[in-house]
Structure formats: C-alpha cells, structure tokens
C-alpha atoms as a PDB file:
ATOM      1  CA  UNK A   1      10.598  98.754   6.271  1.00  0.00           C
ATOM      2  CA  UNK A   2       8.759  97.103   2.971  1.00  0.00           C
ATOM      3  CA  UNK A   3       5.370  98.696   1.768  1.00  0.00           C
ATOM      4  CA  UNK A   4       3.186  95.753   1.836  1.00  0.00           C
ATOM      5  CA  UNK A   5       0.005  97.027  -0.355  1.00  0.00           C
ATOM      6  CA  UNK A   6       2.924  98.203  -2.970  1.00  0.00           C
ATOM      7  CA  UNK A   7       4.574  94.791  -2.989  1.00  0.00           C
ATOM      8  CA  UNK A   8       1.339  92.784  -3.144  1.00  0.00           C
ATOM      9  CA  UNK A   9       0.038  94.727  -6.180  1.00  0.00           C
ATOM     10  CA  UNK A  10       3.236  94.024  -8.002  1.00  0.00           C
ATOM     11  CA  UNK A  11       3.296  90.401  -7.073  1.00  0.00           C
ATOM     12  CA  UNK A  12      -0.299  90.065  -7.952  1.00  0.00           C
ATOM     13  CA  UNK A  13       1.021  92.060 -11.347  1.00  0.00           C
ATOM     14  CA  UNK A  14       3.394  89.664 -11.930  1.00  0.00           C
ATOM     15  CA  UNK A  15       1.708  86.292 -11.010  1.00  0.00           C
ATOM     16  CA  UNK A  16      -1.250  87.174 -12.788  1.00  0.00           C
ATOM     17  CA  UNK A  17      -2.945  84.359 -14.629  1.00  0.00           C
ATOM     18  CA  UNK A  18       0.062  81.816 -13.687  1.00  0.00           C
ATOM     19  CA  UNK A  19      -0.491  78.404 -12.176  1.00  0.00           C
ATOM     20  CA  UNK A  20       3.080  76.574 -12.530  1.00  0.00           C
ATOM     21  CA  UNK A  21       3.464  76.338  -8.704  1.00  0.00           C
ATOM     22  CA  UNK A  22       7.387  76.816  -9.298  1.00  0.00           C
ATOM     23  CA  UNK A  23       7.267  79.794 -10.840  1.00  0.00           C
ATOM     24  CA  UNK A  24       4.925  81.174  -8.744  1.00  0.00           C
ATOM     25  CA  UNK A  25       7.454  80.532  -5.551  1.00  0.00           C
ATOM     26  CA  UNK A  26      10.507  82.257  -7.601  1.00  0.00           C
ATOM     27  CA  UNK A  27       8.499  84.940  -8.622  1.00  0.00           C
ATOM     28  CA  UNK A  28       7.475  85.862  -4.636  1.00  0.00           C
ATOM     29  CA  UNK A  29      10.725  84.933  -3.341  1.00  0.00           C
ATOM     30  CA  UNK A  30      12.626  87.568  -5.521  1.00  0.00           C
ATOM     31  CA  UNK A  31      10.506  90.336  -5.321  1.00  0.00           C
ATOM     32  CA  UNK A  32      10.155  90.123  -1.511  1.00  0.00           C
ATOM     33  CA  UNK A  33      13.849  89.033  -1.245  1.00  0.00           C
ATOM     34  CA  UNK A  34      15.057  92.849  -2.610  1.00  0.00           C
ATOM     35  CA  UNK A  35      12.056  94.717  -0.808  1.00  0.00           C
ATOM     36  CA  UNK A  36      13.659  94.511   2.925  1.00  0.00           C
ATOM     37  CA  UNK A  37      17.273  95.065   4.016  1.00  0.00           C
ATOM     38  CA  UNK A  38      15.512  92.341   7.051  1.00  0.00           C
ATOM     39  CA  UNK A  39      15.295  89.747   4.545  1.00  0.00           C
ATOM     40  CA  UNK A  40      18.807  87.833   4.290  1.00  0.00           C
ATOM     41  CA  UNK A  41      17.571  84.328   3.154  1.00  0.00           C
ATOM     42  CA  UNK A  42      14.371  83.920   1.581  1.00  0.00           C
ATOM     43  CA  UNK A  43      12.726  80.819   0.562  1.00  0.00           C
ATOM     44  CA  UNK A  44      10.088  77.999   0.001  1.00  0.00           C
ATOM     45  CA  UNK A  45      10.285  74.966   0.963  1.00  0.00           C
ATOM     46  CA  UNK A  46       7.949  72.858  -0.972  1.00  0.00           C
ATOM     47  CA  UNK A  47       6.088  69.410   0.328  1.00  0.00           C
ATOM     48  CA  UNK A  48       7.446  66.971  -1.938  1.00  0.00           C
ATOM     49  CA  UNK A  49       6.141  63.713  -0.054  1.00  0.00           C
ATOM     50  CA  UNK A  50       4.280  63.349   3.095  1.00  0.00           C
ATOM     51  CA  UNK A  51       6.205  64.905   6.174  1.00  0.00           C
ATOM     52  CA  UNK A  52       8.902  65.758   4.083  1.00  0.00           C
ATOM     53  CA  UNK A  53       9.869  69.751   2.562  1.00  0.00           C
ATOM     54  CA  UNK A  54      12.990  69.972   0.075  1.00  0.00           C
ATOM     55  CA  UNK A  55      14.291  73.183  -0.713  1.00  0.00           C
ATOM     56  CA  UNK A  56      12.417  74.891  -3.421  1.00  0.00           C
ATOM     57  CA  UNK A  57      12.904  78.495  -5.555  1.00  0.00           C
ATOM     58  CA  UNK A  58      14.861  80.508  -2.552  1.00  0.00           C
ATOM     59  CA  UNK A  59      17.471  83.700  -2.670  1.00  0.00           C
ATOM     60  CA  UNK A  60      20.879  83.944  -0.677  1.00  0.00           C
ATOM     61  CA  UNK A  61      23.400  81.709   0.500  1.00  0.00           C
ATOM     62  CA  UNK A  62      22.667  78.021   0.443  1.00  0.00           C
ATOM     63  CA  UNK A  63      19.546  76.409   2.853  1.00  0.00           C
ATOM     64  CA  UNK A  64      19.174  73.161   4.295  1.00  0.00           C
ATOM     65  CA  UNK A  65      18.118  70.845   0.968  1.00  0.00           C
ATOM     66  CA  UNK A  66      15.633  68.365   3.526  1.00  0.00           C
ATOM     67  CA  UNK A  67      13.853  69.515   6.638  1.00  0.00           C
ATOM     68  CA  UNK A  68      10.556  66.874   7.789  1.00  0.00           C
ATOM     69  CA  UNK A  69       7.565  67.965   9.541  1.00  0.00           C
ATOM     70  CA  UNK A  70       8.306  68.825  13.248  1.00  0.00           C
ATOM     71  CA  UNK A  71      12.078  69.641  13.016  1.00  0.00           C
ATOM     72  CA  UNK A  72      13.232  72.882  12.994  1.00  0.00           C
ATOM     73  CA  UNK A  73      11.094  76.038  12.599  1.00  0.00           C
ATOM     74  CA  UNK A  74       9.771  75.196   8.642  1.00  0.00           C
ATOM     75  CA  UNK A  75       8.847  71.629  10.011  1.00  0.00           C
ATOM     76  CA  UNK A  76       7.128  72.672  12.754  1.00  0.00           C
ATOM     77  CA  UNK A  77       5.564  75.251  11.136  1.00  0.00           C
ATOM     78  CA  UNK A  78       4.411  72.534   7.969  1.00  0.00           C
ATOM     79  CA  UNK A  79       3.106  70.368  10.527  1.00  0.00           C
ATOM     80  CA  UNK A  80       1.639  72.648  12.613  1.00  0.00           C
ATOM     81  CA  UNK A  81      -0.193  74.741  10.047  1.00  0.00           C
ATOM     82  CA  UNK A  82       0.709  77.804  11.922  1.00  0.00           C
ATOM     83  CA  UNK A  83       3.232  80.474  11.081  1.00  0.00           C
ATOM     84  CA  UNK A  84       6.265  80.630  13.338  1.00  0.00           C
ATOM     85  CA  UNK A  85       7.720  84.007  14.407  1.00  0.00           C
ATOM     86  CA  UNK A  86      10.734  83.530  15.906  1.00  0.00           C
ATOM     87  CA  UNK A  87      12.324  86.554  17.323  1.00  0.00           C
ATOM     88  CA  UNK A  88      15.522  84.610  18.367  1.00  0.00           C
ATOM     89  CA  UNK A  89      16.536  81.335  17.176  1.00  0.00           C
ATOM     90  CA  UNK A  90      18.897  79.814  19.239  1.00  0.00           C
ATOM     91  CA  UNK A  91      16.065  79.994  21.741  1.00  0.00           C
ATOM     92  CA  UNK A  92      13.775  78.165  19.271  1.00  0.00           C
ATOM     93  CA  UNK A  93      14.145  74.133  20.571  1.00  0.00           C
ATOM     94  CA  UNK A  94      15.862  72.144  17.855  1.00  0.00           C
ATOM     95  CA  UNK A  95      16.586  74.710  15.461  1.00  0.00           C
ATOM     96  CA  UNK A  96      18.207  73.762  12.418  1.00  0.00           C
ATOM     97  CA  UNK A  97      21.353  76.415  11.287  1.00  0.00           C
ATOM     98  CA  UNK A  98      21.366  76.138   8.004  1.00  0.00           C
ATOM     99  CA  UNK A  99      23.348  79.422   8.423  1.00  0.00           C
ATOM    100  CA  UNK A 100      25.136  80.668  11.291  1.00  0.00           C
ATOM    101  CA  UNK A 101      24.246  84.103  10.506  1.00  0.00           C
ATOM    102  CA  UNK A 102      20.533  83.807  11.178  1.00  0.00           C
ATOM    103  CA  UNK A 103      19.578  85.503  14.302  1.00  0.00           C
ATOM    104  CA  UNK A 104      15.257  85.369  13.854  1.00  0.00           C
ATOM    105  CA  UNK A 105      13.092  84.078  11.236  1.00  0.00           C
ATOM    106  CA  UNK A 106       9.602  83.828  10.337  1.00  0.00           C
ATOM    107  CA  UNK A 107       8.153  80.706   8.894  1.00  0.00           C
ATOM    108  CA  UNK A 108       4.603  80.890   7.235  1.00  0.00           C
ATOM    109  CA  UNK A 109       2.502  77.678   5.719  1.00  0.00           C
ATOM    110  CA  UNK A 110       1.850  78.386   2.025  1.00  0.00           C
ATOM    111  CA  UNK A 111      -1.684  76.892   1.374  1.00  0.00           C
ATOM    112  CA  UNK A 112      -3.477  76.027  -1.763  1.00  0.00           C
ATOM    113  CA  UNK A 113      -6.694  76.932  -3.259  1.00  0.00           C
ATOM    114  CA  UNK A 114      -8.339  73.503  -1.066  1.00  0.00           C
ATOM    115  CA  UNK A 115      -6.134  74.432   1.898  1.00  0.00           C
ATOM    116  CA  UNK A 116      -3.615  71.986   1.966  1.00  0.00           C
ATOM    117  CA  UNK A 117      -0.469  72.577   2.839  1.00  0.00           C
ATOM    118  CA  UNK A 118       2.324  73.148  -0.504  1.00  0.00           C
ATOM    119  CA  UNK A 119       5.075  74.450   0.955  1.00  0.00           C
ATOM    120  CA  UNK A 120       6.210  77.063   3.856  1.00  0.00           C
ATOM    121  CA  UNK A 121       7.975  80.139   3.104  1.00  0.00           C
ATOM    122  CA  UNK A 122      11.084  80.921   5.067  1.00  0.00           C
ATOM    123  CA  UNK A 123      12.701  84.597   5.697  1.00  0.00           C
ATOM    124  CA  UNK A 124      15.502  84.403   7.849  1.00  0.00           C
ATOM    125  CA  UNK A 125      17.071  87.945   9.487  1.00  0.00           C
ATOM    126  CA  UNK A 126      20.141  88.652  10.553  1.00  0.00           C
ATOM    127  CA  UNK A 127      19.290  90.990  12.493  1.00  0.00           C
ATOM    128  CA  UNK A 128      17.675  89.778  15.965  1.00  0.00           C
ATOM    129  CA  UNK A 129      13.731  90.458  16.782  1.00  0.00           C
ATOM    130  CA  UNK A 130      13.260  91.259  12.861  1.00  0.00           C
ATOM    131  CA  UNK A 131       9.831  89.982  12.323  1.00  0.00           C
ATOM    132  CA  UNK A 132       6.700  91.366  13.923  1.00  0.00           C
ATOM    133  CA  UNK A 133       2.770  90.227  13.559  1.00  0.00           C
ATOM    134  CA  UNK A 134       2.194  92.958  11.142  1.00  0.00           C
ATOM    135  CA  UNK A 135       4.711  91.562   8.696  1.00  0.00           C
ATOM    136  CA  UNK A 136       2.775  88.066   9.315  1.00  0.00           C
ATOM    137  CA  UNK A 137      -0.474  89.118   8.538  1.00  0.00           C
ATOM    138  CA  UNK A 138       0.958  91.457   5.588  1.00  0.00           C
ATOM    139  CA  UNK A 139       2.689  88.263   4.079  1.00  0.00           C
ATOM    140  CA  UNK A 140       0.300  85.759   4.527  1.00  0.00           C
ATOM    141  CA  UNK A 141      -2.177  88.206   2.935  1.00  0.00           C
ATOM    142  CA  UNK A 142       0.438  87.647   0.229  1.00  0.00           C
ATOM    143  CA  UNK A 143       0.514  84.215  -0.149  1.00  0.00           C
ATOM    144  CA  UNK A 144      -3.134  83.419  -0.457  1.00  0.00           C
ATOM    145  CA  UNK A 145      -3.562  86.365  -2.924  1.00  0.00           C
ATOM    146  CA  UNK A 146      -0.620  84.201  -4.962  1.00  0.00           C
ATOM    147  CA  UNK A 147      -0.950  80.644  -4.051  1.00  0.00           C
ATOM    148  CA  UNK A 148      -4.956  80.128  -2.749  1.00  0.00           C
ATOM    149  CA  UNK A 149      -6.855  81.585  -6.075  1.00  0.00           C
END
C-alpha cells in the first residue's frame, strides 16, 4: 500500500513553483504510478475543449485518446465533478474498455485554483475492488495541493 503522506511530500517538493499544467501532470503521474502495485494504468485526461477530454500524461499501456463528458467513468467524473470509485468496471453502465485487463478504477476531477475542472485523474487496476474511500481522499488532497494552489 502507498504511503500517501510521504507521497504528498515528495510530489509537493517536486512540483513546488511549477505552473505548467502538463509538467505538473507528468510529474504527479510518474510518482503515483510507481508508488503502488495496484496502479496498473495511471493518467490524466485533460479538458481540451468544452465537454471533451483528451489523453494527457500517463504511464502504462495505451489509453483512449478522446472521451466525451458523460461517457465512461472518466466522462462521468468530468461531467458530475465527483470522484468515481468503481469496484467492478464490468458493472459500470457505459464503461469504456481502453484496456481489457482493467478490473477496477478510480477517477477524480482535477480543479484549478478557481474551481474549474481542468482534467480527471484516472487510475486503473488489474485487481477487482482495488480502491477505497481512503484512496479517494488522499488522492484528492494531493491533487488540490498541486493544482488548486
């Protein structure tokens, strides 16, 4: 299991003073992806135009290139502005299978300092029911620390 307290310190130190969103996303993804064996695919989908997400920095196999708001777990998180904690992706209505190995997923909206959703953070696991509410809270805190400052 990941030590979120130490991970937050590391990410904070690495991103201090940086304002470029893509550079921040690349650094966060790298640190997250290598912090926990549950994290099979870790990446951002950026809001690049109204109601549309495009793949951003990520680690793992290929992801979907474009996801409309409201479609799949990422699109629902972007549209609703709420974290999606999915224990079984096959049970999620409209799940977009970018990788056949994905069994569970957590997707968090990423907000900037004015509260606008600029992206979603998507973490997929090849294990069923891999994520908890504690993961959601810790990851949300890290995202706020980096992007909402």
